[in-house]
């Protein structure tokens, strides 16, 4: 379990050790990184591809809203690491297309969002397709009670790294405004008009 602010290098903190542990001689999915949004999946896969380009490690991103046929064709080739959103990877697992019997590493980035009601226990289903000796890594800025319940179910004496002494990065001042949903765009436009350009 690791807690750290955005922009502090969480992605590198899990991608680098995962890539070090991949056996590229084996034609098996060995690591699964689950993220809550398509944008984060694409961003994470770009980092993963860049870091692994000289290692022979094959990385694949898959998210909902994209063509399933492309994923099926890609999974017929060699894949070592998958970065996915929960619904899509679960679909691929249930169809027997993503075979996870050798997937020993599961990363849940933005774990608080993945364990929210939006994904309705999908992560429990994902884990049921993984081998019993898998390692689970949770990365999040916050660990609400839904995360605690998950930890009790699926993790054994996890090691905790907490880098959340300060809530904002140095050099950044954070403000927030309480507005109703329909006022958001107007508020944003007003803020942009007030911000002076250098």
N, C-alpha and C. Protein backbone atom coordinates (compact mmCIF):
# COMPACT_ATOMS: atom_id res chain seq x y z
N UNK A 1 0.85 -1.18 0.00
CA UNK A 1 0.00 0.00 0.00
C UNK A 1 0.89 1.23 0.00
N UNK A 2 0.65 2.12 -0.96
CA UNK A 2 1.44 3.34 -1.00
C UNK A 2 0.52 4.54 -1.17
N UNK A 3 0.74 5.54 -0.31
CA UNK A 3 0.00 6.80 -0.42
C UNK A 3 0.97 7.90 -0.78
N UNK A 4 0.63 8.62 -1.85
CA UNK A 4 1.45 9.76 -2.26
C UNK A 4 0.62 10.68 -3.13
N UNK A 5 1.02 11.94 -3.18
CA UNK A 5 0.30 12.94 -3.96
C UNK A 5 0.52 12.72 -5.45
N UNK A 6 -0.39 13.28 -6.25
CA UNK A 6 -0.21 13.26 -7.70
C UNK A 6 1.05 14.03 -8.06
N UNK A 7 1.76 13.54 -9.06
CA UNK A 7 2.95 14.24 -9.52
C UNK A 7 4.21 13.89 -8.75
N UNK A 8 4.17 12.89 -7.88
CA UNK A 8 5.35 12.53 -7.08
C UNK A 8 6.05 11.27 -7.60
N UNK A 9 5.53 10.68 -8.68
CA UNK A 9 6.23 9.53 -9.27
C UNK A 9 5.67 8.17 -8.92
N UNK A 10 4.38 8.10 -8.57
CA UNK A 10 3.78 6.80 -8.22
C UNK A 10 3.88 5.81 -9.37
N UNK A 11 3.62 6.29 -10.60
CA UNK A 11 3.62 5.37 -11.75
C UNK A 11 4.99 4.71 -11.90
N UNK A 12 6.03 5.50 -11.85
CA UNK A 12 7.39 4.95 -11.93
C UNK A 12 7.69 4.00 -10.79
N UNK A 13 7.13 4.31 -9.61
CA UNK A 13 7.39 3.50 -8.42
C UNK A 13 6.86 2.08 -8.56
N UNK A 14 5.81 1.87 -9.37
CA UNK A 14 5.37 0.48 -9.58
C UNK A 14 5.76 -0.09 -10.93
N UNK A 15 5.85 0.76 -11.96
CA UNK A 15 6.17 0.23 -13.30
C UNK A 15 7.60 -0.31 -13.35
N UNK A 16 8.55 0.40 -12.79
CA UNK A 16 9.96 -0.03 -12.87
C UNK A 16 10.17 -1.40 -12.20
N UNK A 17 9.71 -1.61 -10.94
CA UNK A 17 9.89 -2.95 -10.35
C UNK A 17 9.13 -4.05 -11.09
N UNK A 18 7.95 -3.74 -11.62
CA UNK A 18 7.20 -4.75 -12.38
C UNK A 18 8.00 -5.19 -13.60
N UNK A 19 8.51 -4.22 -14.35
CA UNK A 19 9.27 -4.55 -15.56
C UNK A 19 10.52 -5.37 -15.22
N UNK A 20 11.12 -5.08 -14.09
CA UNK A 20 12.32 -5.84 -13.65
C UNK A 20 11.98 -7.31 -13.40
N UNK A 21 10.74 -7.58 -13.01
CA UNK A 21 10.35 -8.95 -12.65
C UNK A 21 9.73 -9.74 -13.80
N UNK A 22 9.51 -9.10 -14.94
CA UNK A 22 8.90 -9.80 -16.09
C UNK A 22 9.92 -10.73 -16.73
N UNK A 23 9.50 -11.96 -16.97
CA UNK A 23 10.33 -12.93 -17.70
C UNK A 23 9.87 -12.91 -19.16
N UNK A 24 10.65 -12.22 -20.01
CA UNK A 24 10.24 -12.03 -21.41
C UNK A 24 10.33 -13.32 -22.24
N UNK A 25 10.95 -14.36 -21.68
CA UNK A 25 11.02 -15.63 -22.42
C UNK A 25 9.69 -16.39 -22.33
N UNK A 26 8.83 -15.97 -21.39
CA UNK A 26 7.54 -16.64 -21.22
C UNK A 26 6.44 -15.87 -21.93
N UNK A 27 5.67 -16.57 -22.74
CA UNK A 27 4.57 -15.95 -23.49
C UNK A 27 3.31 -15.97 -22.63
N UNK A 28 3.36 -15.21 -21.53
CA UNK A 28 2.26 -15.18 -20.56
C UNK A 28 2.06 -13.77 -20.03
N UNK A 29 0.82 -13.43 -19.70
CA UNK A 29 0.54 -12.16 -19.00
C UNK A 29 1.03 -12.33 -17.57
N UNK A 30 1.97 -11.47 -17.15
CA UNK A 30 2.57 -11.61 -15.83
C UNK A 30 2.23 -10.48 -14.87
N UNK A 31 1.71 -9.36 -15.42
CA UNK A 31 1.34 -8.23 -14.56
C UNK A 31 0.10 -7.54 -15.13
N UNK A 32 -0.75 -7.10 -14.21
CA UNK A 32 -1.97 -6.38 -14.58
C UNK A 32 -2.03 -5.09 -13.78
N UNK A 33 -2.16 -3.98 -14.50
CA UNK A 33 -2.29 -2.67 -13.86
C UNK A 33 -3.71 -2.19 -14.15
N UNK A 34 -4.49 -1.97 -13.10
CA UNK A 34 -5.87 -1.52 -13.29
C UNK A 34 -5.99 -0.07 -12.84
N UNK A 35 -6.61 0.72 -13.70
CA UNK A 35 -6.81 2.16 -13.43
C UNK A 35 -8.28 2.49 -13.69
N UNK A 36 -8.80 3.59 -13.11
CA UNK A 36 -10.24 3.86 -13.24
C UNK A 36 -10.68 4.50 -14.56
N UNK A 37 -9.76 5.13 -15.30
CA UNK A 37 -10.19 5.86 -16.50
C UNK A 37 -9.35 5.50 -17.72
N UNK A 38 -9.94 5.70 -18.89
CA UNK A 38 -9.26 5.46 -20.16
C UNK A 38 -8.02 6.36 -20.28
N UNK A 39 -8.16 7.63 -19.87
CA UNK A 39 -7.05 8.59 -19.98
C UNK A 39 -5.85 8.11 -19.16
N UNK A 40 -6.11 7.65 -17.94
CA UNK A 40 -5.01 7.19 -17.08
C UNK A 40 -4.40 5.90 -17.64
N UNK A 41 -5.23 5.04 -18.24
CA UNK A 41 -4.72 3.80 -18.85
C UNK A 41 -3.75 4.13 -19.98
N UNK A 42 -4.13 5.07 -20.83
CA UNK A 42 -3.27 5.44 -21.96
C UNK A 42 -1.99 6.11 -21.48
N UNK A 43 -2.11 6.98 -20.49
CA UNK A 43 -0.94 7.66 -19.93
C UNK A 43 0.03 6.65 -19.30
N UNK A 44 -0.52 5.72 -18.53
CA UNK A 44 0.31 4.71 -17.85
C UNK A 44 0.96 3.78 -18.86
N UNK A 45 0.23 3.40 -19.90
CA UNK A 45 0.80 2.49 -20.90
C UNK A 45 1.92 3.16 -21.67
N UNK A 46 1.79 4.47 -21.93
CA UNK A 46 2.87 5.19 -22.62
C UNK A 46 4.15 5.18 -21.78
N UNK A 47 4.01 5.39 -20.48
CA UNK A 47 5.16 5.37 -19.57
C UNK A 47 5.77 3.97 -19.56
N UNK A 48 4.91 2.96 -19.47
CA UNK A 48 5.33 1.56 -19.42
C UNK A 48 6.08 1.17 -20.71
N UNK A 49 5.54 1.57 -21.85
CA UNK A 49 6.16 1.25 -23.15
C UNK A 49 7.53 1.94 -23.25
N UNK A 50 7.58 3.21 -22.84
CA UNK A 50 8.83 3.98 -22.91
C UNK A 50 9.92 3.35 -22.03
N UNK A 51 9.53 2.97 -20.80
CA UNK A 51 10.51 2.40 -19.87
C UNK A 51 10.97 1.00 -20.28
N UNK A 52 10.12 0.29 -21.04
CA UNK A 52 10.44 -1.11 -21.36
C UNK A 52 10.98 -1.31 -22.78
N UNK A 53 11.20 -0.20 -23.51
CA UNK A 53 11.49 -0.34 -24.95
C UNK A 53 12.76 -1.12 -25.27
N UNK A 54 13.69 -1.22 -24.34
CA UNK A 54 14.92 -1.99 -24.60
C UNK A 54 14.92 -3.34 -23.87
N UNK A 55 13.76 -3.72 -23.30
CA UNK A 55 13.72 -4.92 -22.46
C UNK A 55 13.01 -6.09 -23.13
N UNK A 56 12.38 -5.85 -24.26
CA UNK A 56 11.64 -6.92 -24.94
C UNK A 56 10.33 -7.26 -24.27
N UNK A 57 9.87 -6.37 -23.41
CA UNK A 57 8.61 -6.59 -22.68
C UNK A 57 7.45 -6.04 -23.50
N UNK A 58 6.42 -6.84 -23.69
CA UNK A 58 5.28 -6.44 -24.51
C UNK A 58 4.15 -5.91 -23.63
N UNK A 59 3.75 -4.67 -23.90
CA UNK A 59 2.77 -3.97 -23.08
C UNK A 59 1.50 -3.72 -23.90
N UNK A 60 0.35 -3.90 -23.28
CA UNK A 60 -0.93 -3.69 -23.96
C UNK A 60 -1.85 -2.87 -23.07
N UNK A 61 -2.54 -1.89 -23.68
CA UNK A 61 -3.57 -1.14 -22.96
C UNK A 61 -4.93 -1.53 -23.51
N UNK A 62 -5.90 -1.68 -22.64
CA UNK A 62 -7.27 -1.99 -23.09
C UNK A 62 -8.27 -1.28 -22.18
N UNK A 63 -9.24 -0.61 -22.82
CA UNK A 63 -10.24 0.13 -22.05
C UNK A 63 -11.60 -0.03 -22.69
N UNK A 64 -12.62 0.22 -21.91
CA UNK A 64 -13.97 0.19 -22.46
C UNK A 64 -14.14 1.25 -23.53
N UNK A 65 -15.08 1.03 -24.44
CA UNK A 65 -15.33 2.01 -25.49
C UNK A 65 -14.42 1.88 -26.69
N UNK A 66 -13.54 0.86 -26.69
CA UNK A 66 -12.68 0.62 -27.85
C UNK A 66 -13.07 -0.73 -28.47
N UNK A 67 -12.58 -0.98 -29.66
CA UNK A 67 -12.96 -2.17 -30.42
C UNK A 67 -12.42 -3.45 -29.77
N UNK A 68 -13.33 -4.35 -29.43
CA UNK A 68 -12.95 -5.61 -28.79
C UNK A 68 -12.14 -6.49 -29.74
N UNK A 69 -12.42 -6.41 -31.05
CA UNK A 69 -11.69 -7.23 -32.04
C UNK A 69 -10.19 -6.95 -31.99
N UNK A 70 -9.84 -5.67 -31.86
CA UNK A 70 -8.41 -5.30 -31.80
C UNK A 70 -7.74 -5.94 -30.58
N UNK A 71 -8.45 -5.95 -29.46
CA UNK A 71 -7.92 -6.58 -28.24
C UNK A 71 -7.73 -8.09 -28.44
N UNK A 72 -8.69 -8.71 -29.10
CA UNK A 72 -8.62 -10.16 -29.33
C UNK A 72 -7.39 -10.49 -30.19
N UNK A 73 -7.19 -9.71 -31.24
CA UNK A 73 -6.01 -9.91 -32.12
C UNK A 73 -4.72 -9.67 -31.35
N UNK A 74 -4.71 -8.63 -30.52
CA UNK A 74 -3.50 -8.30 -29.75
C UNK A 74 -3.17 -9.41 -28.74
N UNK A 75 -4.22 -9.99 -28.13
CA UNK A 75 -4.00 -11.04 -27.12
C UNK A 75 -3.55 -12.37 -27.74
N UNK A 76 -3.69 -12.50 -29.06
CA UNK A 76 -3.18 -13.70 -29.73
C UNK A 76 -1.67 -13.61 -29.93
N UNK A 77 -1.14 -12.38 -29.76
CA UNK A 77 0.32 -12.17 -29.81
C UNK A 77 0.85 -12.18 -28.37
N UNK A 78 2.16 -11.97 -28.24
CA UNK A 78 2.78 -11.99 -26.91
C UNK A 78 2.42 -10.73 -26.12
N UNK A 79 1.94 -10.91 -24.90
CA UNK A 79 1.65 -9.79 -24.00
C UNK A 79 2.16 -10.16 -22.61
N UNK A 80 2.96 -9.28 -22.02
CA UNK A 80 3.48 -9.53 -20.66
C UNK A 80 2.78 -8.67 -19.61
N UNK A 81 2.46 -7.41 -19.98
CA UNK A 81 1.85 -6.47 -19.04
C UNK A 81 0.60 -5.88 -19.68
N UNK A 82 -0.50 -5.89 -18.94
CA UNK A 82 -1.74 -5.26 -19.41
C UNK A 82 -2.10 -4.10 -18.49
N UNK A 83 -2.42 -2.96 -19.11
CA UNK A 83 -2.97 -1.82 -18.37
C UNK A 83 -4.42 -1.70 -18.81
N UNK A 84 -5.36 -1.72 -17.86
CA UNK A 84 -6.76 -1.83 -18.24
C UNK A 84 -7.68 -1.10 -17.27
N UNK A 85 -8.88 -0.82 -17.77
CA UNK A 85 -9.96 -0.38 -16.89
C UNK A 85 -10.73 -1.63 -16.45
N UNK A 86 -11.39 -1.60 -15.28
CA UNK A 86 -11.95 -2.84 -14.70
C UNK A 86 -12.95 -3.58 -15.58
N UNK A 87 -13.91 -2.87 -16.16
CA UNK A 87 -14.96 -3.54 -16.94
C UNK A 87 -14.41 -4.29 -18.13
N UNK A 88 -13.46 -3.66 -18.85
CA UNK A 88 -12.92 -4.29 -20.05
C UNK A 88 -12.08 -5.52 -19.72
N UNK A 89 -11.21 -5.44 -18.72
CA UNK A 89 -10.35 -6.60 -18.42
C UNK A 89 -11.20 -7.75 -17.89
N UNK A 90 -12.24 -7.44 -17.12
CA UNK A 90 -13.13 -8.48 -16.61
C UNK A 90 -13.85 -9.19 -17.75
N UNK A 91 -14.28 -8.42 -18.74
CA UNK A 91 -14.92 -8.97 -19.93
C UNK A 91 -13.97 -9.92 -20.66
N UNK A 92 -12.72 -9.49 -20.84
CA UNK A 92 -11.72 -10.32 -21.53
C UNK A 92 -11.39 -11.59 -20.74
N UNK A 93 -11.38 -11.49 -19.42
CA UNK A 93 -11.12 -12.66 -18.57
C UNK A 93 -12.27 -13.66 -18.67
N UNK A 94 -13.50 -13.14 -18.54
CA UNK A 94 -14.68 -14.03 -18.57
C UNK A 94 -14.83 -14.75 -19.90
N UNK A 95 -14.41 -14.09 -20.98
CA UNK A 95 -14.48 -14.71 -22.31
C UNK A 95 -13.30 -15.67 -22.56
N UNK A 96 -12.39 -15.75 -21.59
CA UNK A 96 -11.22 -16.64 -21.73
C UNK A 96 -10.16 -16.10 -22.69
N UNK A 97 -10.24 -14.80 -23.00
CA UNK A 97 -9.29 -14.20 -23.94
C UNK A 97 -8.02 -13.72 -23.23
N UNK A 98 -8.18 -13.19 -22.02
CA UNK A 98 -7.03 -12.78 -21.20
C UNK A 98 -6.82 -13.86 -20.14
N UNK A 99 -5.82 -14.71 -20.36
CA UNK A 99 -5.55 -15.83 -19.45
C UNK A 99 -4.58 -15.35 -18.37
N UNK A 100 -5.03 -15.42 -17.11
CA UNK A 100 -4.29 -14.81 -16.01
C UNK A 100 -3.65 -15.81 -15.05
N UNK A 101 -3.50 -17.06 -15.46
CA UNK A 101 -2.98 -18.07 -14.52
C UNK A 101 -1.52 -17.83 -14.11
N UNK A 102 -0.77 -17.00 -14.87
CA UNK A 102 0.62 -16.69 -14.50
C UNK A 102 0.80 -15.21 -14.16
N UNK A 103 -0.34 -14.53 -13.93
CA UNK A 103 -0.28 -13.10 -13.61
C UNK A 103 -0.07 -12.95 -12.10
N UNK A 104 1.18 -12.76 -11.70
CA UNK A 104 1.51 -12.77 -10.28
C UNK A 104 1.53 -11.37 -9.65
N UNK A 105 1.32 -10.32 -10.47
CA UNK A 105 1.36 -8.95 -9.94
C UNK A 105 0.12 -8.18 -10.38
N UNK A 106 -0.59 -7.61 -9.41
CA UNK A 106 -1.75 -6.76 -9.69
C UNK A 106 -1.51 -5.40 -9.04
N UNK A 107 -1.54 -4.36 -9.86
CA UNK A 107 -1.45 -2.99 -9.34
C UNK A 107 -2.82 -2.35 -9.48
N UNK A 108 -3.27 -1.71 -8.42
CA UNK A 108 -4.50 -0.92 -8.48
C UNK A 108 -4.12 0.53 -8.24
N UNK A 109 -4.09 1.31 -9.32
CA UNK A 109 -3.73 2.73 -9.21
C UNK A 109 -5.02 3.53 -9.02
N UNK A 110 -4.95 4.53 -8.14
CA UNK A 110 -6.15 5.26 -7.70
C UNK A 110 -7.16 4.26 -7.11
N UNK A 111 -6.65 3.47 -6.18
CA UNK A 111 -7.43 2.38 -5.57
C UNK A 111 -8.72 2.87 -4.94
N UNK A 112 -8.72 4.08 -4.40
CA UNK A 112 -9.95 4.59 -3.78
C UNK A 112 -11.08 4.69 -4.82
N UNK A 113 -10.75 5.12 -6.04
CA UNK A 113 -11.77 5.22 -7.10
C UNK A 113 -12.18 3.82 -7.58
N UNK A 114 -11.21 2.91 -7.70
CA UNK A 114 -11.51 1.56 -8.17
C UNK A 114 -12.43 0.81 -7.20
N UNK A 115 -12.35 1.14 -5.93
CA UNK A 115 -13.15 0.44 -4.92
C UNK A 115 -14.40 1.23 -4.52
N UNK A 116 -14.70 2.26 -5.29
CA UNK A 116 -15.92 3.03 -5.03
C UNK A 116 -17.12 2.31 -5.65
N UNK A 117 -18.31 2.82 -5.39
CA UNK A 117 -19.54 2.20 -5.91
C UNK A 117 -19.58 2.17 -7.44
N UNK A 118 -18.83 3.07 -8.08
CA UNK A 118 -18.82 3.13 -9.56
C UNK A 118 -18.47 1.77 -10.18
N UNK A 119 -17.61 1.01 -9.50
CA UNK A 119 -17.14 -0.26 -10.07
C UNK A 119 -17.74 -1.49 -9.39
N UNK A 120 -18.62 -1.28 -8.41
CA UNK A 120 -19.43 -2.35 -7.80
C UNK A 120 -18.76 -3.72 -7.69
N UNK A 121 -17.75 -3.81 -6.87
CA UNK A 121 -17.07 -5.08 -6.56
C UNK A 121 -16.42 -5.78 -7.76
N UNK A 122 -16.18 -5.04 -8.83
CA UNK A 122 -15.51 -5.64 -10.00
C UNK A 122 -14.12 -6.16 -9.65
N UNK A 123 -13.44 -5.47 -8.72
CA UNK A 123 -12.07 -5.87 -8.40
C UNK A 123 -12.02 -7.23 -7.72
N UNK A 124 -13.04 -7.56 -6.93
CA UNK A 124 -13.13 -8.90 -6.33
C UNK A 124 -13.20 -9.95 -7.44
N UNK A 125 -13.98 -9.67 -8.47
CA UNK A 125 -14.12 -10.61 -9.60
C UNK A 125 -12.81 -10.74 -10.36
N UNK A 126 -12.13 -9.62 -10.56
CA UNK A 126 -10.82 -9.65 -11.25
C UNK A 126 -9.86 -10.55 -10.49
N UNK A 127 -9.79 -10.36 -9.17
CA UNK A 127 -8.86 -11.12 -8.34
C UNK A 127 -9.17 -12.62 -8.37
N UNK A 128 -10.44 -12.96 -8.52
CA UNK A 128 -10.81 -14.39 -8.57
C UNK A 128 -10.22 -15.10 -9.79
N UNK A 129 -9.80 -14.34 -10.80
CA UNK A 129 -9.17 -14.93 -12.00
C UNK A 129 -7.65 -15.03 -11.88
N UNK A 130 -7.09 -14.49 -10.80
CA UNK A 130 -5.62 -14.48 -10.63
C UNK A 130 -5.18 -15.65 -9.76
N UNK A 131 -3.90 -16.05 -9.88
CA UNK A 131 -3.43 -17.14 -9.02
C UNK A 131 -3.41 -16.72 -7.54
N UNK A 132 -3.44 -17.71 -6.65
CA UNK A 132 -3.51 -17.41 -5.21
C UNK A 132 -2.26 -16.72 -4.67
N UNK A 133 -1.12 -16.94 -5.32
CA UNK A 133 0.14 -16.37 -4.81
C UNK A 133 0.48 -15.03 -5.44
N UNK A 134 -0.55 -14.32 -5.94
CA UNK A 134 -0.27 -13.02 -6.57
C UNK A 134 0.11 -11.98 -5.52
N UNK A 135 0.78 -10.93 -6.00
CA UNK A 135 1.09 -9.79 -5.14
C UNK A 135 0.14 -8.66 -5.55
N UNK A 136 -0.46 -7.99 -4.55
CA UNK A 136 -1.35 -6.87 -4.83
C UNK A 136 -0.70 -5.58 -4.33
N UNK A 137 -0.66 -4.58 -5.21
CA UNK A 137 -0.10 -3.28 -4.84
C UNK A 137 -1.18 -2.23 -4.99
N UNK A 138 -1.46 -1.50 -3.91
CA UNK A 138 -2.48 -0.44 -3.94
C UNK A 138 -1.78 0.92 -3.90
N UNK A 139 -2.13 1.77 -4.85
CA UNK A 139 -1.60 3.14 -4.88
C UNK A 139 -2.77 4.10 -4.85
N UNK A 140 -2.71 5.07 -3.94
CA UNK A 140 -3.83 5.99 -3.80
C UNK A 140 -3.41 7.19 -2.96
N UNK A 141 -4.09 8.32 -3.18
CA UNK A 141 -3.84 9.48 -2.31
C UNK A 141 -4.63 9.34 -1.01
N UNK A 142 -5.78 8.65 -1.08
CA UNK A 142 -6.59 8.44 0.12
C UNK A 142 -6.97 6.97 0.25
N UNK A 143 -7.12 6.52 1.47
CA UNK A 143 -7.56 5.15 1.74
C UNK A 143 -8.84 5.16 2.57
N UNK A 144 -10.02 5.36 1.94
CA UNK A 144 -11.27 5.34 2.68
C UNK A 144 -11.62 3.95 3.17
N UNK A 145 -12.73 3.82 3.90
CA UNK A 145 -13.07 2.53 4.53
C UNK A 145 -13.31 1.42 3.50
N UNK A 146 -13.74 1.76 2.28
CA UNK A 146 -13.91 0.71 1.25
C UNK A 146 -12.58 0.04 0.95
N UNK A 147 -11.51 0.82 1.01
CA UNK A 147 -10.17 0.26 0.77
C UNK A 147 -9.77 -0.64 1.94
N UNK A 148 -10.09 -0.21 3.16
CA UNK A 148 -9.79 -1.03 4.34
C UNK A 148 -10.46 -2.40 4.25
N UNK A 149 -11.71 -2.42 3.82
CA UNK A 149 -12.44 -3.69 3.70
C UNK A 149 -11.78 -4.59 2.65
N UNK A 150 -11.36 -4.00 1.56
CA UNK A 150 -10.67 -4.74 0.50
C UNK A 150 -9.37 -5.35 1.03
N UNK A 151 -8.62 -4.55 1.78
CA UNK A 151 -7.33 -4.99 2.35
C UNK A 151 -7.55 -6.21 3.25
N UNK A 152 -8.58 -6.14 4.10
CA UNK A 152 -8.88 -7.27 5.01
C UNK A 152 -9.21 -8.54 4.23
N UNK A 153 -9.89 -8.38 3.07
CA UNK A 153 -10.28 -9.55 2.27
C UNK A 153 -9.13 -10.15 1.47
N UNK A 154 -8.27 -9.32 0.93
CA UNK A 154 -7.33 -9.79 -0.09
C UNK A 154 -5.85 -9.63 0.22
N UNK A 155 -5.51 -8.95 1.29
CA UNK A 155 -4.08 -8.70 1.56
C UNK A 155 -3.72 -9.23 2.94
N UNK A 156 -2.47 -9.67 3.07
CA UNK A 156 -1.99 -10.24 4.34
C UNK A 156 -0.85 -9.39 4.87
N UNK A 157 -1.09 -8.70 5.99
CA UNK A 157 -0.09 -7.82 6.60
C UNK A 157 0.63 -6.96 5.56
N UNK A 158 -0.09 -6.13 4.82
CA UNK A 158 0.57 -5.34 3.78
C UNK A 158 1.55 -4.32 4.36
N UNK A 159 2.60 -4.08 3.60
CA UNK A 159 3.59 -3.06 3.96
C UNK A 159 3.04 -1.71 3.51
N UNK A 160 3.08 -0.72 4.39
CA UNK A 160 2.49 0.57 4.05
C UNK A 160 3.54 1.66 3.93
N UNK A 161 3.49 2.39 2.81
CA UNK A 161 4.36 3.55 2.60
C UNK A 161 3.44 4.76 2.53
N UNK A 162 3.65 5.70 3.44
CA UNK A 162 2.78 6.87 3.49
C UNK A 162 3.61 8.15 3.32
N UNK A 163 3.42 8.81 2.19
CA UNK A 163 4.14 10.06 1.93
C UNK A 163 3.20 11.25 1.87
N UNK A 164 2.17 11.20 2.71
CA UNK A 164 1.11 12.21 2.64
C UNK A 164 1.16 13.23 3.78
N UNK A 165 2.34 13.57 4.27
CA UNK A 165 2.40 14.56 5.36
C UNK A 165 1.79 15.89 4.92
N UNK A 166 2.11 16.29 3.69
CA UNK A 166 1.53 17.53 3.16
C UNK A 166 0.57 17.18 2.05
N UNK A 167 -0.51 17.95 1.93
CA UNK A 167 -1.53 17.61 0.95
C UNK A 167 -1.26 18.20 -0.44
N UNK A 168 -0.43 19.23 -0.52
CA UNK A 168 -0.13 19.79 -1.84
C UNK A 168 1.37 19.80 -2.07
N UNK A 169 1.76 19.81 -3.34
CA UNK A 169 3.18 19.83 -3.69
C UNK A 169 3.78 21.19 -3.38
N UNK A 170 5.09 21.21 -3.08
CA UNK A 170 5.77 22.47 -2.82
C UNK A 170 5.70 23.35 -4.07
N UNK A 171 5.48 24.64 -3.84
CA UNK A 171 5.42 25.56 -4.98
C UNK A 171 4.04 25.67 -5.60
N UNK A 172 3.09 24.88 -5.10
CA UNK A 172 1.73 24.94 -5.63
C UNK A 172 0.78 25.36 -4.51
N UNK A 173 -0.01 26.38 -4.77
CA UNK A 173 -1.04 26.79 -3.81
C UNK A 173 -2.38 26.28 -4.32
N UNK A 174 -3.13 25.68 -3.44
CA UNK A 174 -4.38 25.04 -3.85
C UNK A 174 -5.57 25.80 -3.29
N UNK A 175 -6.56 26.06 -4.16
CA UNK A 175 -7.81 26.70 -3.74
C UNK A 175 -8.97 25.84 -4.22
N UNK A 176 -10.11 25.99 -3.59
CA UNK A 176 -11.28 25.30 -4.10
C UNK A 176 -12.51 26.18 -3.91
N UNK A 177 -13.51 25.95 -4.76
CA UNK A 177 -14.75 26.71 -4.68
C UNK A 177 -15.91 25.75 -4.57
N UNK A 178 -16.83 26.01 -3.65
CA UNK A 178 -18.05 25.20 -3.56
C UNK A 178 -19.06 25.77 -4.55
N UNK A 179 -19.38 25.01 -5.58
CA UNK A 179 -20.37 25.46 -6.55
C UNK A 179 -21.33 24.31 -6.88
N UNK A 180 -22.52 24.67 -7.34
CA UNK A 180 -23.45 23.64 -7.79
C UNK A 180 -22.99 23.12 -9.15
N UNK A 181 -23.40 21.91 -9.49
CA UNK A 181 -22.97 21.27 -10.74
C UNK A 181 -23.13 22.20 -11.95
N UNK A 182 -24.30 22.86 -12.06
CA UNK A 182 -24.58 23.69 -13.24
C UNK A 182 -23.76 24.99 -13.26
N UNK A 183 -23.10 25.32 -12.14
CA UNK A 183 -22.28 26.54 -12.08
C UNK A 183 -20.81 26.29 -12.41
N UNK A 184 -20.43 25.02 -12.58
CA UNK A 184 -19.01 24.68 -12.73
C UNK A 184 -18.35 25.40 -13.91
N UNK A 185 -18.98 25.31 -15.08
CA UNK A 185 -18.37 25.89 -16.29
C UNK A 185 -18.27 27.40 -16.16
N UNK A 186 -19.33 28.03 -15.64
CA UNK A 186 -19.31 29.48 -15.46
C UNK A 186 -18.18 29.89 -14.49
N UNK A 187 -18.06 29.14 -13.41
CA UNK A 187 -17.01 29.40 -12.42
C UNK A 187 -15.62 29.28 -13.06
N UNK A 188 -15.44 28.23 -13.85
CA UNK A 188 -14.15 28.00 -14.53
C UNK A 188 -13.84 29.14 -15.49
N UNK A 189 -14.84 29.56 -16.28
CA UNK A 189 -14.65 30.68 -17.22
C UNK A 189 -14.27 31.96 -16.48
N UNK A 190 -14.94 32.20 -15.35
CA UNK A 190 -14.65 33.40 -14.55
C UNK A 190 -13.21 33.36 -14.04
N UNK A 191 -12.79 32.19 -13.55
CA UNK A 191 -11.42 32.04 -13.05
C UNK A 191 -10.39 32.29 -14.17
N UNK A 192 -10.65 31.71 -15.34
CA UNK A 192 -9.73 31.91 -16.48
C UNK A 192 -9.63 33.38 -16.85
N UNK A 193 -10.77 34.07 -16.81
CA UNK A 193 -10.76 35.51 -17.20
C UNK A 193 -10.00 36.35 -16.18
N UNK A 194 -9.95 35.90 -14.92
CA UNK A 194 -9.26 36.65 -13.86
C UNK A 194 -7.76 36.36 -13.82
N UNK A 195 -7.39 35.17 -14.30
CA UNK A 195 -5.96 34.79 -14.24
C UNK A 195 -5.19 35.63 -15.25
N UNK A 196 -4.16 36.33 -14.76
CA UNK A 196 -3.37 37.18 -15.67
C UNK A 196 -2.36 36.32 -16.43
N UNK A 197 -2.19 36.59 -17.70
CA UNK A 197 -1.24 35.82 -18.52
C UNK A 197 0.14 36.46 -18.41
N UNK A 198 1.21 35.63 -18.30
CA UNK A 198 2.56 36.20 -18.15
C UNK A 198 3.03 36.88 -19.42
